[in-house]
Every structure is written in C-alpha cells, then in structure tokens.
Amino acid sequence: MADEPRWTVITGASSGIGAELARVFAARGYALVLAARRHERLEALGEEIQKHHGVPVEVMALDLEDRGAPQDLAEMLRDQGIRAHTLVNNAGFGLRGDFATLPFERQMAMIDLNVSAVTALCRLLLPGMLERGRGGILNVASTSAFQAGPHMAVYYATKAYVLSLSEALYEEAKARGVTVTALCPGSTESEFSATADVEYSRALRPGIMSAAEVARIGVDGYEAGRAIVIPGRTNWIGALGAKFLPRAIVRKIAGSLQRGDVTKPAKEANEGA
C-alpha cells in the first residue's frame, strides 16, 4: 500500500477553485480523478496537468445534480481499481435573488448538489479511508456558512450544512488517521462570481482572492490536519464577526451586501461544473 498512488477525487474540477485545487494536488504528487459535467474542459485540464506534473489523471464526466451520480462515481472508481485517498467536494452552485421568486426547481437542485451529493460522496468514500487509516476529505464550504444570507438564502444554508457536516466528521475520523477539512473561501476571482453576476454585490469587493491562492491555502490546511480553513485575513475577521455579533445584526448586514442591483435578473453559477 505504500506505493499505491494517492488518488484525489475532485468534483466540480473543470474551472475555478476546483481546477486550481487539481493543480495544487498534482504539484504535490497526488494522482487525480477529475469529475464534472463538462468533459472537454476536464480533458484539457487533465492533459495540462499530466504535461506539467506527470501524475496519473482520470476524467469522469457526470452531473452530480442527478441523485444517482454519487453512486455512479463510486462504482466507476471501483471498476477502475481506484481507492480514494482524498475526496474533494467542490461541485456546487449558487443563485442570487429573493427566495420567494427564484425558480423552485433550481433551488431544490441546489440542495441536491450542494448538500445531497456532498453527503453521499462522504458516506460512500469515507469508510474505505477509515479502514486504511489514511487520507481524508476536503469539503469546499464558504464564509457564507457562518451566517444567514438574505437574497442568497438557500446557498448560504447549504454551505452552513457543509461546514457543520465537515466539523462533525472531523471529530469522528481524526482518531483513525483521517482528516476532514472545511475550506471556507470568501470573495474569490472565479467563473462562479462572474456568471452569478455577484460582481455587483458589495460583499465581494473587499479582500478578493485568486482561486489559485484559495486552493493553495486550502490544501495546506488539509495536509496540516485542520478542521476549518478560512483563507485571507479579511475573510477570517468576517467569520469571527459573524460569531460574536448579534445574529439580527449579522443577517441584516449580509442581506444588505447581497442585495446588489435588484433590477438585474437573478443568475446562476456553478462552482467548477
């Protein structure tokens, strides 16, 4: 087992933080399984990584909004004899707008991807990690996880779930040599922010970070065995403020920051789909 590749399974790997996480893990010698909907982007990223880092890369195109997709991914890994050393749950999407007017179907799909798929993949792959006593899970949450988010209500709630789940699994797994880390980025330059039109939200103007920087800090924290990683001093201060200020004040601030230009139609963005 000592010579077995450290396979890292990354969902939502075709762009943004997911693609940068793939580059960071590859640079540190991890073999990669790249999973997302956009097969062509995954293939291009895989070729780039193999060229620059020489690690094995497998591409698995599937849509994790499909309730059966996590099981399909686990079976694909088993069929290829791949035992996951690290799972990176990055795939997700957000919608900005009022809860009562955003499309019902897309809000439920957001829960399917941001919550259900994350939970399913953790449950499918964590037992093998515990049995082998190595590896772990890096779940991409958000600084949104630390407070309610009017005008992005479901997105904030899903990230709060990811943070809570990750912290609980961290405590359950750490004594058996397995790390579970929640990466909580704040404002990040990525396709997500551009597509979602959140460049109009004042919440994303101060302290913006590059996706590459967020990925590097996230992997550093995961490899150090940390439960929660919040990249950037501005984001850390914001999370701390959400913890100690009265919740009524925090949610009003979040709502004001996320309101943006209410005359613009709501837009959807995927985190590395």
Protein backbone atom coordinates (compact mmCIF):
# COMPACT_ATOMS: atom_id res chain seq x y z
CA MET A 1 0.00 0.00 0.00
CA ALA A 2 2.99 2.29 0.47
CA ASP A 3 3.48 2.50 -3.29
CA GLU A 4 -0.21 3.00 -4.05
CA PRO A 5 -0.98 6.34 -5.75
CA ARG A 6 -2.65 8.91 -3.54
CA TRP A 7 -5.75 9.25 -5.68
CA THR A 8 -7.58 12.53 -5.15
CA VAL A 9 -11.16 12.71 -6.43
CA ILE A 10 -12.18 16.31 -7.19
CA THR A 11 -15.75 17.21 -8.11
CA GLY A 12 -16.51 20.43 -9.94
CA ALA A 13 -12.97 20.30 -11.31
CA SER A 14 -13.49 21.93 -14.69
CA SER A 15 -12.93 25.57 -13.63
CA GLY A 16 -12.38 28.00 -10.75
CA ILE A 17 -11.31 26.74 -7.35
CA GLY A 18 -11.83 23.12 -8.41
CA ALA A 19 -9.37 23.35 -11.28
CA GLU A 20 -6.85 25.16 -9.09
CA LEU A 21 -7.19 22.51 -6.39
CA ALA A 22 -6.42 19.91 -9.03
CA ARG A 23 -3.24 21.78 -10.00
CA VAL A 24 -2.12 22.09 -6.37
CA PHE A 25 -2.71 18.44 -5.53
CA ALA A 26 -0.95 17.36 -8.75
CA ALA A 27 2.06 19.55 -7.94
CA ARG A 28 2.33 17.68 -4.63
CA GLY A 29 2.34 14.28 -6.30
CA TYR A 30 -1.29 13.20 -5.93
CA ALA A 31 -2.93 11.22 -8.74
CA LEU A 32 -6.22 12.77 -9.83
CA VAL A 33 -9.76 11.82 -10.70
CA LEU A 34 -11.44 14.88 -12.22
CA ALA A 35 -15.25 14.85 -12.13
CA ALA A 36 -17.65 17.41 -13.59
CA ARG A 37 -20.22 17.81 -16.35
CA ARG A 38 -18.02 19.46 -18.98
CA HIS A 39 -15.98 16.60 -20.44
CA GLU A 40 -13.97 18.74 -22.85
CA ARG A 41 -12.76 21.04 -20.09
CA LEU A 42 -11.82 18.10 -17.91
CA GLU A 43 -9.84 16.52 -20.74
CA ALA A 44 -7.98 19.77 -21.39
CA LEU A 45 -7.17 20.19 -17.70
CA GLY A 46 -6.07 16.59 -17.43
CA GLU A 47 -3.70 16.95 -20.39
CA GLU A 48 -2.25 20.14 -18.91
CA ILE A 49 -1.67 18.50 -15.53
CA GLN A 50 -0.10 15.38 -16.99
CA LYS A 51 2.21 17.51 -19.10
CA HIS A 52 3.40 19.68 -16.21
CA HIS A 53 3.32 17.25 -13.28
CA GLY A 54 3.41 13.74 -14.76
CA VAL A 55 0.82 12.29 -12.38
CA PRO A 56 -1.94 9.86 -13.40
CA VAL A 57 -5.19 11.62 -14.28
CA GLU A 58 -8.60 10.05 -14.90
CA VAL A 59 -11.59 12.01 -16.18
CA MET A 60 -15.14 11.09 -15.23
CA ALA A 61 -17.87 13.25 -16.74
CA LEU A 62 -21.16 13.19 -14.84
CA ASP A 63 -23.76 15.55 -13.40
CA LEU A 64 -23.87 15.41 -9.62
CA GLU A 65 -27.28 17.10 -9.57
CA ASP A 66 -28.52 13.62 -10.51
CA ARG A 67 -29.31 11.77 -7.27
CA GLY A 68 -27.72 8.60 -8.68
CA ALA A 69 -24.47 10.25 -9.76
CA PRO A 70 -22.51 9.83 -6.49
CA GLN A 71 -23.15 6.08 -6.57
CA ASP A 72 -22.20 6.03 -10.26
CA LEU A 73 -18.93 7.80 -9.45
CA ALA A 74 -18.14 5.35 -6.64
CA GLU A 75 -18.79 2.43 -8.99
CA MET A 76 -16.58 3.96 -11.69
CA LEU A 77 -13.76 4.26 -9.16
CA ARG A 78 -14.24 0.66 -8.07
CA ASP A 79 -14.36 -0.61 -11.66
CA GLN A 80 -11.00 1.08 -12.35
CA GLY A 81 -9.44 -0.19 -9.13
CA ILE A 82 -9.07 3.32 -7.72
CA ARG A 83 -9.16 3.68 -3.93
CA ALA A 84 -9.70 7.31 -2.99
CA HIS A 85 -7.05 8.73 -0.70
CA THR A 86 -8.63 12.20 -0.75
CA LEU A 87 -12.12 13.35 -1.70
CA VAL A 88 -12.59 17.00 -2.63
CA ASN A 89 -16.25 18.03 -2.68
CA ASN A 90 -16.11 21.25 -4.68
CA ALA A 91 -19.08 20.99 -7.07
CA GLY A 92 -21.92 23.34 -6.25
CA PHE A 93 -23.87 26.32 -7.49
CA GLY A 94 -25.49 29.46 -6.19
CA LEU A 95 -28.44 31.68 -7.05
CA ARG A 96 -28.89 35.30 -6.07
CA GLY A 97 -32.36 36.75 -5.66
CA ASP A 98 -35.33 36.55 -3.30
CA PHE A 99 -36.26 33.06 -2.06
CA ALA A 100 -39.96 33.52 -2.92
CA THR A 101 -39.25 34.41 -6.54
CA LEU A 102 -36.24 32.28 -7.51
CA PRO A 103 -37.17 29.16 -9.50
CA PHE A 104 -38.35 26.38 -7.20
CA GLU A 105 -36.74 23.62 -9.29
CA ARG A 106 -33.32 25.27 -9.30
CA GLN A 107 -33.38 25.87 -5.56
CA MET A 108 -34.15 22.20 -4.97
CA ALA A 109 -31.40 21.24 -7.42
CA MET A 110 -29.02 23.44 -5.42
CA ILE A 111 -29.80 21.35 -2.35
CA ASP A 112 -29.30 18.16 -4.36
CA LEU A 113 -25.83 19.26 -5.48
CA ASN A 114 -24.54 21.34 -2.56
CA VAL A 115 -25.91 19.08 0.20
CA SER A 116 -27.09 15.67 -1.00
CA ALA A 117 -24.18 14.91 -3.35
CA VAL A 118 -21.63 16.06 -0.76
CA THR A 119 -23.23 13.86 1.88
CA ALA A 120 -23.49 10.84 -0.42
CA LEU A 121 -19.87 11.01 -1.56
CA CYS A 122 -18.62 11.38 2.00
CA ARG A 123 -20.66 8.34 3.04
CA LEU A 124 -19.53 6.29 0.04
CA LEU A 125 -15.80 7.01 0.27
CA LEU A 126 -15.08 7.73 3.95
CA PRO A 127 -15.42 4.11 5.15
CA GLY A 128 -12.54 3.00 2.92
CA MET A 129 -10.35 5.80 4.21
CA LEU A 130 -11.12 4.84 7.80
CA GLU A 131 -10.38 1.19 7.06
CA ARG A 132 -6.99 2.11 5.60
CA GLY A 133 -6.28 4.76 8.25
CA ARG A 134 -5.12 7.38 5.75
CA GLY A 135 -6.33 10.22 3.58
CA GLY A 136 -9.35 12.39 4.09
CA ILE A 137 -11.94 14.79 2.75
CA LEU A 138 -11.73 18.45 1.77
CA ASN A 139 -15.20 19.96 1.54
CA VAL A 140 -15.47 23.40 -0.07
CA ALA A 141 -17.88 25.43 2.03
CA SER A 142 -17.77 29.24 2.18
CA THR A 143 -17.63 32.16 4.58
CA SER A 144 -21.36 32.19 3.79
CA ALA A 145 -21.59 29.22 6.15
CA PHE A 146 -21.19 31.45 9.20
CA GLN A 147 -24.43 33.44 8.85
CA ALA A 148 -27.81 33.57 7.19
CA GLY A 149 -27.83 35.17 3.74
CA PRO A 150 -30.92 37.08 2.64
CA HIS A 151 -31.10 37.21 -1.18
CA MET A 152 -28.97 34.03 -1.38
CA ALA A 153 -30.89 32.17 1.32
CA VAL A 154 -30.59 28.58 0.09
CA TYR A 155 -26.95 28.92 -1.00
CA TYR A 156 -25.90 30.23 2.43
CA ALA A 157 -27.91 27.49 4.13
CA THR A 158 -26.30 24.74 2.04
CA LYS A 159 -22.83 25.99 2.92
CA ALA A 160 -23.75 26.06 6.62
CA TYR A 161 -24.68 22.40 6.25
CA VAL A 162 -21.34 21.58 4.60
CA LEU A 163 -19.44 23.30 7.42
CA SER A 164 -21.44 21.55 10.14
CA LEU A 165 -21.10 18.13 8.49
CA SER A 166 -17.36 18.60 8.00
CA GLU A 167 -16.74 19.58 11.61
CA ALA A 168 -18.69 16.56 12.87
CA LEU A 169 -16.85 14.16 10.55
CA TYR A 170 -13.53 15.70 11.57
CA GLU A 171 -14.17 14.70 15.18
CA GLU A 172 -15.35 11.22 14.21
CA ALA A 173 -12.43 10.48 11.88
CA LYS A 174 -9.34 12.14 13.36
CA ALA A 175 -8.52 9.37 15.86
CA ARG A 176 -8.35 6.91 12.97
CA GLY A 177 -5.81 8.86 10.94
CA VAL A 178 -8.29 10.52 8.56
CA THR A 179 -8.71 14.30 8.17
CA VAL A 180 -11.92 16.11 7.23
CA THR A 181 -11.44 19.78 6.42
CA ALA A 182 -13.93 22.51 5.52
CA LEU A 183 -12.44 25.14 3.21
CA CYS A 184 -14.35 28.41 3.65
CA PRO A 185 -13.31 30.92 0.98
CA GLY A 186 -14.80 34.36 0.73
CA SER A 187 -14.56 36.68 -2.25
CA THR A 188 -12.75 34.78 -4.99
CA GLU A 189 -11.96 35.64 -8.59
CA SER A 190 -13.64 32.82 -10.48
CA GLU A 191 -16.17 31.89 -13.12
CA PHE A 192 -18.68 31.45 -10.27
CA SER A 193 -18.69 35.13 -9.33
CA ALA A 194 -18.70 36.35 -12.92
CA THR A 195 -21.54 34.08 -14.03
CA ALA A 196 -23.68 34.69 -10.97
CA ASP A 197 -23.42 38.45 -11.52
CA VAL A 198 -22.14 38.79 -7.95
CA GLU A 199 -19.62 41.35 -9.08
CA TYR A 200 -22.49 43.77 -8.39
CA SER A 201 -22.63 42.63 -4.74
CA ARG A 202 -20.63 44.75 -2.31
CA ALA A 203 -19.95 41.56 -0.33
CA LEU A 204 -17.41 40.51 -2.95
CA ARG A 205 -15.39 43.70 -3.33
CA PRO A 206 -13.11 43.82 -0.27
CA GLY A 207 -10.42 41.22 0.24
CA ILE A 208 -10.96 39.39 -3.04
CA MET A 209 -8.53 36.48 -3.57
CA SER A 210 -7.47 34.46 -6.58
CA ALA A 211 -8.75 30.91 -6.97
CA ALA A 212 -5.12 29.70 -7.08
CA GLU A 213 -4.36 31.32 -3.72
CA VAL A 214 -7.50 29.89 -2.14
CA ALA A 215 -6.62 26.42 -3.44
CA ARG A 216 -3.06 26.55 -2.12
CA ILE A 217 -4.17 27.67 1.34
CA GLY A 218 -6.91 25.03 1.35
CA VAL A 219 -4.57 22.16 0.55
CA ASP A 220 -2.02 23.46 3.07
CA GLY A 221 -4.69 23.39 5.77
CA TYR A 222 -5.95 19.96 4.78
CA GLU A 223 -2.45 18.49 4.81
CA ALA A 224 -1.88 20.11 8.21
CA GLY A 225 -4.95 18.32 9.56
CA ARG A 226 -7.06 21.40 10.24
CA ALA A 227 -10.84 21.18 10.64
CA ILE A 228 -11.62 24.63 9.19
CA VAL A 229 -9.58 26.73 6.79
CA ILE A 230 -10.58 30.35 6.14
CA PRO A 231 -8.25 31.90 3.52
CA GLY A 232 -7.33 35.56 3.98
CA ARG A 233 -7.37 37.90 6.96
CA THR A 234 -10.45 39.79 5.73
CA ASN A 235 -12.44 36.56 5.49
CA TRP A 236 -11.22 35.39 8.89
CA ILE A 237 -12.28 38.67 10.51
CA GLY A 238 -15.67 38.44 8.81
CA ALA A 239 -16.24 34.91 10.09
CA LEU A 240 -15.19 35.98 13.58
CA GLY A 241 -17.59 38.90 13.47
CA ALA A 242 -20.43 36.61 12.43
CA LYS A 243 -19.70 34.50 15.50
CA PHE A 244 -19.69 37.29 18.08
CA LEU A 245 -22.09 39.94 16.76
CA PRO A 246 -25.83 39.53 17.42
CA ARG A 247 -27.38 37.37 14.70
CA ALA A 248 -30.01 40.02 13.94
CA ILE A 249 -27.24 42.44 13.01
CA VAL A 250 -25.25 39.87 11.05
CA ARG A 251 -28.17 38.82 8.86
CA LYS A 252 -29.11 42.44 8.15
CA ILE A 253 -25.54 43.18 7.07
CA ALA A 254 -25.44 40.07 4.89
CA GLY A 255 -28.76 40.95 3.30
CA SER A 256 -27.63 44.48 2.55
CA LEU A 257 -24.39 43.27 1.00
CA GLN A 258 -26.05 40.60 -1.14
CA ARG A 259 -28.91 42.73 -2.38
CA GLY A 260 -26.78 44.28 -5.12
CA ASP A 261 -28.67 45.67 -8.09
CA VAL A 262 -32.18 44.30 -7.60
CA THR A 263 -33.18 45.45 -11.10
CA LYS A 264 -30.94 42.78 -12.66
CA PRO A 265 -32.41 39.31 -13.27
CA ALA A 266 -31.26 36.50 -10.99
CA LYS A 267 -28.37 34.47 -12.36
CA GLU A 268 -27.00 31.04 -11.57
CA ALA A 269 -23.38 29.98 -11.35
CA ASN A 270 -21.74 26.62 -10.93
CA GLU A 271 -18.60 26.09 -8.86
CA GLY A 272 -16.47 24.23 -11.38
CA ALA A 273 -19.25 22.20 -13.01
